[in-house]
Amino acid sequence: MSLVIAIDGPAGSGKGTITKIISEKLGLVNIDTGAMYRCVALACINNGIKLEEEDKIGEIAKKVKIEFDKDRNVYLDGVDVSKRIREKDVSALVSPLSSIVAVREEMVKQQRKLAEGLDVIMEGRDITTVVFPNADFKFYLDATVEERAKRRFLQNQESGIDMSLEEIKEAIEARDYNDMHKEVGALKRTDDQIYVDSTNMSIEEVADFMINKIKEN
């Protein structure tokens, strides 16, 4: 029987980094669901499709080919878009786009298909509640808005993405609101999640805490 570890949490809480560490230490397949939505957003930008054109966006979600390699590089229709999908225009579009029901349904379908028969770790906004409500382990990873903005700012600097700390904080606050008020796939806290506040914890401390929780069972 396959193992499923699900991690939800707001933007900049460290889900991607933590998921990568745990996947490497426990030999799990790491599926980046956030990158999948970002790929759909980028495909819409590339095709000149506007947010209000929901039917066209739904069709794009069905047509795009999204792939990952062992180094977590992301490919959209065969092109490496790992850096491009983190840029400002994509980041501004991804949350409202991911609220579109047709997009959500298609991505959930693809995420479940990617995980079939594998031991996986997956992070996002609705992994513990919608994609894998029966996951073996469910975590909710959190941190203050200020801390999350600082982390994203440093990530962007390393990637050469030009956004001020204040811009990032405002974007995260807007994303939090959108993510928590989606009609479908909203970010939610539930009683069966293991809550982790990473504000004052190092990446290693968070990963060790979560791995210990997994190994306890």
C-alpha atoms as a PDB file:
ATOM      1  CA  MET A   1       0.000   0.000   0.000  1.00  0.00           C
ATOM      2  CA  SER A   2       1.334   3.456  -0.906  1.00  0.00           C
ATOM      3  CA  LEU A   3       2.152   6.120   1.686  1.00  0.00           C
ATOM      4  CA  VAL A   4       0.738   9.653   1.365  1.00  0.00           C
ATOM      5  CA  ILE A   5       2.026  12.592   3.405  1.00  0.00           C
ATOM      6  CA  ALA A   6       0.036  15.798   2.878  1.00  0.00           C
ATOM      7  CA  ILE A   7       1.132  19.304   3.885  1.00  0.00           C
ATOM      8  CA  ASP A   8      -1.034  22.413   3.685  1.00  0.00           C
ATOM      9  CA  GLY A   9      -0.243  25.973   4.658  1.00  0.00           C
ATOM     10  CA  PRO A  10      -0.145  29.586   3.477  1.00  0.00           C
ATOM     11  CA  ALA A  11       2.304  31.136   1.010  1.00  0.00           C
ATOM     12  CA  GLY A  12       5.884  31.386   2.260  1.00  0.00           C
ATOM     13  CA  SER A  13       5.448  29.030   5.194  1.00  0.00           C
ATOM     14  CA  GLY A  14       8.294  26.837   3.939  1.00  0.00           C
ATOM     15  CA  LYS A  15       6.203  23.982   2.564  1.00  0.00           C
ATOM     16  CA  GLY A  16       8.271  23.549  -0.590  1.00  0.00           C
ATOM     17  CA  THR A  17      11.624  23.463   1.180  1.00  0.00           C
ATOM     18  CA  ILE A  18      10.396  21.174   3.951  1.00  0.00           C
ATOM     19  CA  THR A  19       8.744  18.827   1.465  1.00  0.00           C
ATOM     20  CA  LYS A  20      11.996  18.561  -0.507  1.00  0.00           C
ATOM     21  CA  ILE A  21      14.001  17.694   2.632  1.00  0.00           C
ATOM     22  CA  ILE A  22      11.513  15.099   3.867  1.00  0.00           C
ATOM     23  CA  SER A  23      11.181  13.522   0.424  1.00  0.00           C
ATOM     24  CA  GLU A  24      14.962  13.094   0.219  1.00  0.00           C
ATOM     25  CA  LYS A  25      15.342  11.739   3.763  1.00  0.00           C
ATOM     26  CA  LEU A  26      12.443   9.292   3.514  1.00  0.00           C
ATOM     27  CA  GLY A  27      12.751   8.412  -0.185  1.00  0.00           C
ATOM     28  CA  LEU A  28       9.359   9.812  -1.172  1.00  0.00           C
ATOM     29  CA  VAL A  29       8.165  11.208  -4.507  1.00  0.00           C
ATOM     30  CA  ASN A  30       7.695  14.976  -4.183  1.00  0.00           C
ATOM     31  CA  ILE A  31       4.876  16.488  -6.258  1.00  0.00           C
ATOM     32  CA  ASP A  32       4.819  20.319  -6.307  1.00  0.00           C
ATOM     33  CA  THR A  33       1.131  21.184  -6.630  1.00  0.00           C
ATOM     34  CA  GLY A  34       1.677  24.939  -6.395  1.00  0.00           C
ATOM     35  CA  ALA A  35       3.945  24.790  -9.430  1.00  0.00           C
ATOM     36  CA  MET A  36       1.157  23.058 -11.346  1.00  0.00           C
ATOM     37  CA  TYR A  37      -1.216  25.992 -10.808  1.00  0.00           C
ATOM     38  CA  ARG A  38       1.596  28.391 -11.685  1.00  0.00           C
ATOM     39  CA  CYS A  39       2.106  26.532 -14.964  1.00  0.00           C
ATOM     40  CA  VAL A  40      -1.558  27.017 -15.862  1.00  0.00           C
ATOM     41  CA  ALA A  41      -1.238  30.722 -15.001  1.00  0.00           C
ATOM     42  CA  LEU A  42       1.849  31.054 -17.204  1.00  0.00           C
ATOM     43  CA  ALA A  43       0.135  29.219 -20.070  1.00  0.00           C
ATOM     44  CA  CYS A  44      -2.734  31.719 -19.847  1.00  0.00           C
ATOM     45  CA  ILE A  45      -0.283  34.633 -19.952  1.00  0.00           C
ATOM     46  CA  ASN A  46       1.531  33.114 -22.919  1.00  0.00           C
ATOM     47  CA  ASN A  47      -1.763  32.690 -24.775  1.00  0.00           C
ATOM     48  CA  GLY A  48      -3.144  36.128 -23.904  1.00  0.00           C
ATOM     49  CA  ILE A  49      -6.057  34.654 -21.929  1.00  0.00           C
ATOM     50  CA  LYS A  50      -7.569  36.975 -19.347  1.00  0.00           C
ATOM     51  CA  LEU A  51      -8.810  35.974 -15.882  1.00  0.00           C
ATOM     52  CA  GLU A  52     -12.465  36.556 -16.771  1.00  0.00           C
ATOM     53  CA  GLU A  53     -12.247  34.042 -19.644  1.00  0.00           C
ATOM     54  CA  GLU A  54     -12.912  31.089 -17.364  1.00  0.00           C
ATOM     55  CA  ASP A  55     -13.955  28.661 -20.098  1.00  0.00           C
ATOM     56  CA  LYS A  56     -10.689  29.211 -21.961  1.00  0.00           C
ATOM     57  CA  ILE A  57      -8.687  28.865 -18.745  1.00  0.00           C
ATOM     58  CA  GLY A  58     -10.429  25.562 -18.022  1.00  0.00           C
ATOM     59  CA  GLU A  59      -9.469  24.314 -21.489  1.00  0.00           C
ATOM     60  CA  ILE A  60      -5.856  25.401 -20.969  1.00  0.00           C
ATOM     61  CA  ALA A  61      -5.746  23.447 -17.691  1.00  0.00           C
ATOM     62  CA  LYS A  62      -6.796  20.292 -19.550  1.00  0.00           C
ATOM     63  CA  LYS A  63      -4.336  20.747 -22.427  1.00  0.00           C
ATOM     64  CA  VAL A  64      -1.068  21.732 -20.737  1.00  0.00           C
ATOM     65  CA  LYS A  65       1.585  19.107 -20.085  1.00  0.00           C
ATOM     66  CA  ILE A  66       3.242  19.607 -16.697  1.00  0.00           C
ATOM     67  CA  GLU A  67       6.290  17.566 -15.706  1.00  0.00           C
ATOM     68  CA  PHE A  68       8.903  17.494 -12.947  1.00  0.00           C
ATOM     69  CA  ASP A  69      12.421  16.089 -12.918  1.00  0.00           C
ATOM     70  CA  LYS A  70      14.343  14.616  -9.987  1.00  0.00           C
ATOM     71  CA  ASP A  71      15.785  18.066  -9.143  1.00  0.00           C
ATOM     72  CA  ARG A  72      12.271  19.576  -8.881  1.00  0.00           C
ATOM     73  CA  ASN A  73      12.670  21.543 -12.094  1.00  0.00           C
ATOM     74  CA  VAL A  74       9.284  22.274 -13.654  1.00  0.00           C
ATOM     75  CA  TYR A  75       8.470  21.820 -17.331  1.00  0.00           C
ATOM     76  CA  LEU A  76       5.499  23.310 -19.143  1.00  0.00           C
ATOM     77  CA  ASP A  77       4.912  21.653 -22.513  1.00  0.00           C
ATOM     78  CA  GLY A  78       8.539  20.526 -22.559  1.00  0.00           C
ATOM     79  CA  VAL A  79      10.069  23.914 -21.594  1.00  0.00           C
ATOM     80  CA  ASP A  80      11.856  24.484 -18.259  1.00  0.00           C
ATOM     81  CA  VAL A  81       9.821  27.224 -16.529  1.00  0.00           C
ATOM     82  CA  SER A  82      11.168  26.731 -12.984  1.00  0.00           C
ATOM     83  CA  LYS A  83      12.199  30.375 -12.623  1.00  0.00           C
ATOM     84  CA  ARG A  84       9.590  31.952 -14.889  1.00  0.00           C
ATOM     85  CA  ILE A  85       6.632  30.650 -12.855  1.00  0.00           C
ATOM     86  CA  ARG A  86       7.960  32.464  -9.748  1.00  0.00           C
ATOM     87  CA  GLU A  87       7.949  35.892 -11.363  1.00  0.00           C
ATOM     88  CA  LYS A  88       5.638  38.738 -10.400  1.00  0.00           C
ATOM     89  CA  ASP A  89       3.023  38.474 -13.155  1.00  0.00           C
ATOM     90  CA  VAL A  90       2.506  34.747 -12.589  1.00  0.00           C
ATOM     91  CA  SER A  91       2.392  35.190  -8.790  1.00  0.00           C
ATOM     92  CA  ALA A  92      -0.311  37.852  -9.141  1.00  0.00           C
ATOM     93  CA  LEU A  93      -2.488  35.589 -11.295  1.00  0.00           C
ATOM     94  CA  VAL A  94      -2.099  32.196  -9.644  1.00  0.00           C
ATOM     95  CA  SER A  95      -4.374  32.594  -6.603  1.00  0.00           C
ATOM     96  CA  PRO A  96      -7.480  33.957  -8.388  1.00  0.00           C
ATOM     97  CA  LEU A  97      -6.914  31.501 -11.236  1.00  0.00           C
ATOM     98  CA  SER A  98      -6.728  28.579  -8.811  1.00  0.00           C
ATOM     99  CA  SER A  99     -10.163  29.590  -7.488  1.00  0.00           C
ATOM    100  CA  ILE A 100     -11.749  28.653 -10.819  1.00  0.00           C
ATOM    101  CA  VAL A 101     -13.645  25.400 -10.282  1.00  0.00           C
ATOM    102  CA  ALA A 102     -12.699  23.842 -13.638  1.00  0.00           C
ATOM    103  CA  VAL A 103      -8.996  24.490 -12.994  1.00  0.00           C
ATOM    104  CA  ARG A 104      -9.214  23.121  -9.471  1.00  0.00           C
ATOM    105  CA  GLU A 105     -10.976  19.953 -10.587  1.00  0.00           C
ATOM    106  CA  GLU A 106      -8.476  19.291 -13.376  1.00  0.00           C
ATOM    107  CA  MET A 107      -5.425  19.867 -11.170  1.00  0.00           C
ATOM    108  CA  VAL A 108      -6.801  17.620  -8.412  1.00  0.00           C
ATOM    109  CA  LYS A 109      -7.380  14.910 -11.021  1.00  0.00           C
ATOM    110  CA  GLN A 110      -3.802  15.260 -12.282  1.00  0.00           C
ATOM    111  CA  GLN A 111      -2.345  15.323  -8.761  1.00  0.00           C
ATOM    112  CA  ARG A 112      -4.107  12.095  -7.809  1.00  0.00           C
ATOM    113  CA  LYS A 113      -2.991  10.472 -11.053  1.00  0.00           C
ATOM    114  CA  LEU A 114       0.650  11.475 -10.475  1.00  0.00           C
ATOM    115  CA  ALA A 115       0.518   9.886  -7.006  1.00  0.00           C
ATOM    116  CA  GLU A 116      -1.020   6.555  -8.024  1.00  0.00           C
ATOM    117  CA  GLY A 117       0.870   3.595  -6.575  1.00  0.00           C
ATOM    118  CA  LEU A 118       3.702   5.730  -5.200  1.00  0.00           C
ATOM    119  CA  ASP A 119       4.928   6.793  -1.755  1.00  0.00           C
ATOM    120  CA  VAL A 120       4.449  10.537  -2.045  1.00  0.00           C
ATOM    121  CA  ILE A 121       4.704  13.785  -0.176  1.00  0.00           C
ATOM    122  CA  MET A 122       2.605  16.625  -1.518  1.00  0.00           C
ATOM    123  CA  GLU A 123       2.125  20.202  -0.400  1.00  0.00           C
ATOM    124  CA  GLY A 124      -0.379  22.899  -1.268  1.00  0.00           C
ATOM    125  CA  ARG A 125      -3.537  24.551   0.027  1.00  0.00           C
ATOM    126  CA  ASP A 126      -6.102  21.743  -0.083  1.00  0.00           C
ATOM    127  CA  ILE A 127      -4.017  18.575  -0.061  1.00  0.00           C
ATOM    128  CA  THR A 128      -5.152  17.441   3.400  1.00  0.00           C
ATOM    129  CA  THR A 129      -8.780  18.424   2.834  1.00  0.00           C
ATOM    130  CA  VAL A 130      -9.586  17.787  -0.859  1.00  0.00           C
ATOM    131  CA  VAL A 131      -6.832  16.032  -2.809  1.00  0.00           C
ATOM    132  CA  PHE A 132      -5.977  13.413  -0.171  1.00  0.00           C
ATOM    133  CA  PRO A 133      -8.470  13.666   2.713  1.00  0.00           C
ATOM    134  CA  ASN A 134      -7.432  10.140   3.759  1.00  0.00           C
ATOM    135  CA  ALA A 135      -3.682  10.827   3.712  1.00  0.00           C
ATOM    136  CA  ASP A 136      -1.595   8.823   6.194  1.00  0.00           C
ATOM    137  CA  PHE A 137      -0.164  12.025   7.683  1.00  0.00           C
ATOM    138  CA  LYS A 138      -1.594  15.543   7.513  1.00  0.00           C
ATOM    139  CA  PHE A 139       0.379  18.635   8.467  1.00  0.00           C
ATOM    140  CA  TYR A 140      -0.511  22.333   8.533  1.00  0.00           C
ATOM    141  CA  LEU A 141       2.680  24.390   8.279  1.00  0.00           C
ATOM    142  CA  ASP A 142       2.392  28.034   9.332  1.00  0.00           C
ATOM    143  CA  ALA A 143       4.423  31.164  10.192  1.00  0.00           C
ATOM    144  CA  THR A 144       3.712  34.866  10.736  1.00  0.00           C
ATOM    145  CA  VAL A 145       3.148  37.056   7.667  1.00  0.00           C
ATOM    146  CA  GLU A 146       6.329  39.005   8.456  1.00  0.00           C
ATOM    147  CA  GLU A 147       8.449  35.878   8.612  1.00  0.00           C
ATOM    148  CA  ARG A 148       6.935  34.441   5.460  1.00  0.00           C
ATOM    149  CA  ALA A 149       7.576  37.687   3.562  1.00  0.00           C
ATOM    150  CA  LYS A 150      11.236  37.684   4.658  1.00  0.00           C
ATOM    151  CA  ARG A 151      11.682  34.098   3.475  1.00  0.00           C
ATOM    152  CA  ARG A 152      10.107  34.765   0.089  1.00  0.00           C
ATOM    153  CA  PHE A 153      12.202  37.944  -0.284  1.00  0.00           C
ATOM    154  CA  LEU A 154      15.420  35.970   0.248  1.00  0.00           C
ATOM    155  CA  GLN A 155      14.264  33.256  -2.163  1.00  0.00           C
ATOM    156  CA  ASN A 156      13.515  35.872  -4.805  1.00  0.00           C
ATOM    157  CA  GLN A 157      16.903  37.519  -4.328  1.00  0.00           C
ATOM    158  CA  GLU A 158      18.633  34.184  -4.867  1.00  0.00           C
ATOM    159  CA  SER A 159      16.578  33.642  -8.021  1.00  0.00           C
ATOM    160  CA  GLY A 160      17.133  37.178  -9.328  1.00  0.00           C
ATOM    161  CA  ILE A 161      13.447  38.131  -9.006  1.00  0.00           C
ATOM    162  CA  ASP A 162      13.006  41.844  -8.298  1.00  0.00           C
ATOM    163  CA  MET A 163      10.278  42.430  -5.691  1.00  0.00           C
ATOM    164  CA  SER A 164      10.532  44.621  -2.586  1.00  0.00           C
ATOM    165  CA  LEU A 165       9.851  43.185   0.866  1.00  0.00           C
ATOM    166  CA  GLU A 166       6.735  45.359   1.156  1.00  0.00           C
ATOM    167  CA  GLU A 167       5.446  44.177  -2.239  1.00  0.00           C
ATOM    168  CA  ILE A 168       5.937  40.576  -1.174  1.00  0.00           C
ATOM    169  CA  LYS A 169       4.178  41.120   2.160  1.00  0.00           C
ATOM    170  CA  GLU A 170       1.188  42.745   0.440  1.00  0.00           C
ATOM    171  CA  ALA A 171       1.063  39.934  -2.122  1.00  0.00           C
ATOM    172  CA  ILE A 172       1.161  37.285   0.622  1.00  0.00           C
ATOM    173  CA  GLU A 173      -1.620  38.989   2.594  1.00  0.00           C
ATOM    174  CA  ALA A 174      -3.776  39.157  -0.538  1.00  0.00           C
ATOM    175  CA  ARG A 175      -2.962  35.531  -1.325  1.00  0.00           C
ATOM    176  CA  ASP A 176      -3.857  34.450   2.219  1.00  0.00           C
ATOM    177  CA  TYR A 177      -7.260  36.101   1.933  1.00  0.00           C
ATOM    178  CA  ASN A 178      -7.945  34.573  -1.482  1.00  0.00           C
ATOM    179  CA  ASP A 179      -6.737  31.134  -0.431  1.00  0.00           C
ATOM    180  CA  MET A 180      -8.895  31.075   2.696  1.00  0.00           C
ATOM    181  CA  HIS A 181     -12.043  32.312   0.938  1.00  0.00           C
ATOM    182  CA  LYS A 182     -12.051  30.106  -2.176  1.00  0.00           C
ATOM    183  CA  GLU A 183     -15.366  28.516  -3.094  1.00  0.00           C
ATOM    184  CA  VAL A 184     -13.498  25.289  -3.861  1.00  0.00           C
ATOM    185  CA  GLY A 185     -10.206  24.114  -2.359  1.00  0.00           C
ATOM    186  CA  ALA A 186      -9.899  26.770   0.343  1.00  0.00           C
ATOM    187  CA  LEU A 187      -6.982  26.673   2.778  1.00  0.00           C
ATOM    188  CA  LYS A 188      -8.397  25.352   6.076  1.00  0.00           C
ATOM    189  CA  ARG A 189      -7.268  24.279   9.513  1.00  0.00           C
ATOM    190  CA  THR A 190      -8.791  20.977  10.619  1.00  0.00           C
ATOM    191  CA  ASP A 191      -8.652  18.917  13.796  1.00  0.00           C
ATOM    192  CA  ASP A 192      -6.852  16.010  12.142  1.00  0.00           C
ATOM    193  CA  GLN A 193      -3.889  18.096  10.926  1.00  0.00           C
ATOM    194  CA  ILE A 194      -0.659  18.299  12.924  1.00  0.00           C
ATOM    195  CA  TYR A 195      -0.125  22.059  13.337  1.00  0.00           C
ATOM    196  CA  VAL A 196       3.447  23.357  13.022  1.00  0.00           C
ATOM    197  CA  ASP A 197       4.317  27.031  13.622  1.00  0.00           C
ATOM    198  CA  SER A 198       7.719  27.443  11.985  1.00  0.00           C
ATOM    199  CA  THR A 199       8.165  31.166  12.786  1.00  0.00           C
ATOM    200  CA  ASN A 200      10.955  30.615  15.298  1.00  0.00           C
ATOM    201  CA  MET A 201      12.205  27.287  13.997  1.00  0.00           C
ATOM    202  CA  SER A 202      15.001  26.527  11.561  1.00  0.00           C
ATOM    203  CA  ILE A 203      14.293  24.501   8.427  1.00  0.00           C
ATOM    204  CA  GLU A 204      16.151  21.557   9.985  1.00  0.00           C
ATOM    205  CA  GLU A 205      14.109  21.758  13.200  1.00  0.00           C
ATOM    206  CA  VAL A 206      10.837  21.746  11.284  1.00  0.00           C
ATOM    207  CA  ALA A 207      11.893  18.822   9.094  1.00  0.00           C
ATOM    208  CA  ASP A 208      13.119  16.805  12.092  1.00  0.00           C
ATOM    209  CA  PHE A 209       9.883  17.472  14.001  1.00  0.00           C
ATOM    210  CA  MET A 210       7.738  16.287  11.108  1.00  0.00           C
ATOM    211  CA  ILE A 211       9.912  13.251  10.343  1.00  0.00           C
ATOM    212  CA  ASN A 212       9.738  12.215  14.009  1.00  0.00           C
ATOM    213  CA  LYS A 213       5.944  12.486  13.906  1.00  0.00           C
ATOM    214  CA  ILE A 214       5.879  10.250  10.828  1.00  0.00           C
ATOM    215  CA  LYS A 215       8.233   7.692  12.380  1.00  0.00           C
ATOM    216  CA  GLU A 216       6.251   7.559  15.633  1.00  0.00           C
ATOM    217  CA  ASN A 217       3.466   5.708  13.804  1.00  0.00           C
END
